């Protein structure tokens, strides 16, 4: 479970960094647009799991980048051992 959580944080970090840099925004500019602090953007882009943002904060950041967040839940495919 810890591995999956860490992978999730790193995927979010990569996504936010990619979207921000593709729009040629600084962390400070994105932070202002989303109404969060620049250190929050930096932590998010590092994949820092010690102070994870809420879904609301992630949604605000994505909205500032021109995207919306959707959550998908699906049954895990487990193989019998």
Protein backbone atom coordinates (compact mmCIF):
# COMPACT_ATOMS: atom_id res chain seq x y z
CA UNK A 1 0.00 0.00 0.00
CA UNK A 2 2.82 2.45 0.79
CA UNK A 3 4.30 1.85 -2.66
CA UNK A 4 0.97 2.57 -4.36
CA UNK A 5 0.52 5.78 -2.35
CA UNK A 6 4.03 6.95 -3.20
CA UNK A 7 3.43 6.16 -6.86
CA UNK A 8 0.22 8.20 -6.78
CA UNK A 9 2.02 11.24 -5.31
CA UNK A 10 4.75 10.99 -7.92
CA UNK A 11 2.22 10.69 -10.76
CA UNK A 12 0.42 13.81 -9.51
CA UNK A 13 3.78 15.60 -9.17
CA UNK A 14 4.72 14.73 -12.74
CA UNK A 15 1.31 15.76 -14.09
CA UNK A 16 1.24 19.15 -12.37
CA UNK A 17 4.84 19.90 -13.36
CA UNK A 18 4.18 18.92 -16.97
CA UNK A 19 0.99 21.00 -17.24
CA UNK A 20 2.57 24.03 -15.55
CA UNK A 21 5.75 24.02 -17.63
CA UNK A 22 3.87 23.40 -20.89
CA UNK A 23 2.03 26.66 -20.20
CA UNK A 24 5.31 28.38 -19.31
CA UNK A 25 4.10 29.26 -15.83
CA UNK A 26 6.32 29.64 -12.80
CA UNK A 27 5.34 27.96 -9.57
CA UNK A 28 4.59 31.41 -8.14
CA UNK A 29 2.31 32.32 -11.06
CA UNK A 30 0.38 29.06 -10.78
CA UNK A 31 0.09 29.51 -7.02
CA UNK A 32 -1.41 33.00 -7.48
CA UNK A 33 -3.85 31.71 -10.12
CA UNK A 34 -4.96 28.82 -7.89
CA UNK A 35 -5.03 30.79 -4.63
CA UNK A 36 -2.41 28.64 -2.92
CA UNK A 37 1.14 29.27 -1.77
CA UNK A 38 4.20 28.76 -3.96
CA UNK A 39 5.68 26.34 -1.38
CA UNK A 40 2.49 24.24 -1.78
CA UNK A 41 3.14 23.98 -5.52
CA UNK A 42 6.80 23.09 -4.86
CA UNK A 43 5.83 20.35 -2.37
CA UNK A 44 3.24 19.01 -4.78
CA UNK A 45 5.73 18.90 -7.65
CA UNK A 46 8.28 17.09 -5.48
CA UNK A 47 5.73 14.43 -4.63
CA UNK A 48 6.07 15.32 -0.95
CA UNK A 49 3.71 12.97 0.86
CA UNK A 50 4.30 14.48 4.31
CA UNK A 51 1.82 17.33 3.70
CA UNK A 52 -0.56 16.10 1.05
CA UNK A 53 -2.98 18.57 -0.53
CA UNK A 54 -6.71 17.99 -0.29
CA UNK A 55 -8.71 17.01 -3.35
CA UNK A 56 -10.19 20.52 -3.26
CA UNK A 57 -6.70 22.05 -3.50
CA UNK A 58 -5.72 19.72 -6.34
CA UNK A 59 -8.94 20.61 -8.16
CA UNK A 60 -8.21 24.36 -7.75
CA UNK A 61 -4.69 23.93 -9.12
CA UNK A 62 -5.92 21.89 -12.08
CA UNK A 63 -8.70 24.40 -12.75
CA UNK A 64 -6.13 27.21 -12.80
CA UNK A 65 -4.30 25.17 -15.47
CA UNK A 66 -7.51 24.77 -17.49
CA UNK A 67 -8.37 21.22 -16.44
CA UNK A 68 -10.95 19.56 -14.25
CA UNK A 69 -10.38 16.68 -11.89
CA UNK A 70 -12.43 13.51 -12.06
CA UNK A 71 -12.00 10.54 -9.76
CA UNK A 72 -12.47 7.05 -11.11
CA UNK A 73 -12.99 4.02 -8.91
CA UNK A 74 -12.79 0.50 -10.26
CA UNK A 75 -12.61 -2.96 -8.81
CA UNK A 76 -9.08 -4.23 -8.39
CA UNK A 77 -8.21 -7.29 -10.41
CA UNK A 78 -6.61 -9.72 -7.98
CA UNK A 79 -5.36 -13.10 -8.99
CA UNK A 80 -5.75 -16.01 -6.65
CA UNK A 81 -2.41 -17.14 -5.20
